[in-house]
Amino acid sequence: MTHAEFVSAYRQGQIRVSVERRAAARLVSERLLLPFVLLPVLGSGVALAITGHFFAGAALFIAGLALRFVVRASSRGYVLNRALQDSGFYEEMKAKGILRVDSP
């Protein structure tokens, strides 16, 4: 199925699209370099807590964990939205098995 056919069939509701949750979360995490962002944020939260600013440190640590959760929770929608907009990304996701297109 070509990208143009995919987009038109999806918008008309003729196909069912499934995105593998774990693979999409891993892909988005890698593309955003999430570990390299979270490590300093979580470390700073711990450092603040150790130096006596417990509530600020805890808030920063929880914000880092929340960022990780939000990225993982929204990854499926990101992959589907990007696949609808970009034909190269659509082909890449199909080849990797992250995006599956099924007939209803």
Protein backbone atom coordinates (compact mmCIF):
# COMPACT_ATOMS: atom_id res chain seq x y z
CA MET A 1 0.00 0.00 0.00
CA THR A 2 1.44 3.35 -0.99
CA HIS A 3 1.50 6.33 1.33
CA ALA A 4 -1.23 8.17 -0.59
CA GLU A 5 -3.49 5.10 -0.44
CA PHE A 6 -2.73 4.73 3.27
CA VAL A 7 -3.67 8.34 4.04
CA SER A 8 -6.91 8.27 2.06
CA ALA A 9 -7.98 4.87 3.42
CA TYR A 10 -7.22 5.94 6.99
CA ARG A 11 -9.19 9.16 6.67
CA GLN A 12 -12.14 7.28 5.17
CA GLY A 13 -12.00 4.65 7.92
CA GLN A 14 -11.38 1.77 5.53
CA ILE A 15 -8.33 0.40 7.35
CA ARG A 16 -7.32 -0.35 10.90
CA VAL A 17 -3.87 0.85 11.93
CA SER A 18 -2.04 -0.56 14.93
CA VAL A 19 1.15 0.79 16.41
CA GLU A 20 3.28 -1.45 18.61
CA ARG A 21 3.43 0.35 21.95
CA ARG A 22 6.87 -0.70 23.19
CA ALA A 23 8.63 -0.23 19.89
CA ALA A 24 7.05 3.19 19.37
CA ALA A 25 8.07 4.29 22.88
CA ARG A 26 11.62 3.11 22.28
CA LEU A 27 11.76 4.89 18.92
CA VAL A 28 10.50 8.21 20.26
CA SER A 29 12.78 7.96 23.29
CA GLU A 30 15.78 7.39 21.02
CA ARG A 31 14.87 10.22 18.65
CA LEU A 32 14.40 12.69 21.50
CA LEU A 33 17.60 11.48 23.20
CA LEU A 34 15.47 11.06 26.31
CA PRO A 35 18.08 9.26 28.44
CA PHE A 36 20.51 12.13 27.90
CA VAL A 37 17.85 14.61 29.02
CA LEU A 38 16.50 12.62 31.95
CA LEU A 39 19.83 11.73 33.51
CA PRO A 40 20.80 15.33 34.35
CA VAL A 41 17.24 16.20 35.40
CA LEU A 42 16.93 13.26 37.77
CA GLY A 43 20.47 13.78 39.03
CA SER A 44 19.78 17.44 39.71
CA GLY A 45 16.66 16.51 41.63
CA VAL A 46 18.63 14.10 43.81
CA ALA A 47 21.39 16.68 44.31
CA LEU A 48 18.89 19.31 45.40
CA ALA A 49 17.30 16.90 47.84
CA ILE A 50 20.67 15.95 49.32
CA THR A 51 21.74 19.57 49.75
CA GLY A 52 18.69 20.42 51.84
CA HIS A 53 16.18 21.57 49.22
CA PHE A 54 14.07 18.47 49.61
CA PHE A 55 10.80 19.73 48.11
CA ALA A 56 12.46 21.35 45.09
CA GLY A 57 14.53 18.21 44.53
CA ALA A 58 11.52 15.95 44.85
CA ALA A 59 9.53 18.16 42.47
CA LEU A 60 12.33 18.10 39.88
CA PHE A 61 12.73 14.33 40.21
CA ILE A 62 8.98 13.76 39.82
CA ALA A 63 8.91 16.12 36.83
CA GLY A 64 11.62 14.01 35.17
CA LEU A 65 9.64 10.83 35.76
CA ALA A 66 6.49 12.51 34.48
CA LEU A 67 8.31 13.58 31.31
CA ARG A 68 9.32 9.96 30.71
CA PHE A 69 5.74 8.82 31.26
CA VAL A 70 4.30 11.47 28.92
CA VAL A 71 6.74 10.60 26.14
CA ARG A 72 5.94 6.90 26.42
CA ALA A 73 2.20 7.49 26.59
CA SER A 74 2.11 9.76 23.55
CA SER A 75 4.51 7.79 21.36
CA ARG A 76 1.84 5.79 19.54
CA GLY A 77 -0.01 8.92 18.51
CA TYR A 78 3.24 10.54 17.40
CA VAL A 79 4.17 7.59 15.19
CA LEU A 80 0.72 7.46 13.58
CA ASN A 81 0.55 11.22 13.03
CA ARG A 82 4.03 11.36 11.55
CA ALA A 83 3.30 8.35 9.31
CA LEU A 84 0.23 10.14 7.95
CA GLN A 85 2.33 13.19 7.10
CA ASP A 86 5.64 11.72 5.87
CA SER A 87 5.86 8.94 3.29
CA GLY A 88 9.49 8.09 4.15
CA PHE A 89 8.63 7.72 7.83
CA TYR A 90 5.60 5.58 6.89
CA GLU A 91 7.76 3.20 4.87
CA GLU A 92 10.37 3.04 7.64
CA MET A 93 7.78 2.19 10.31
CA LYS A 94 6.21 -0.48 8.13
CA ALA A 95 9.62 -2.01 7.42
CA LYS A 96 10.50 -2.08 11.14
CA GLY A 97 7.12 -3.62 12.01
CA ILE A 98 6.13 -0.77 14.31
CA LEU A 99 3.16 0.23 12.15
CA ARG A 100 0.72 -2.42 10.91
CA VAL A 101 -2.13 -1.78 8.51
CA ASP A 102 -5.06 -4.22 8.59
CA SER A 103 -8.37 -4.34 6.78
CA PRO A 104 -11.42 -4.08 9.07
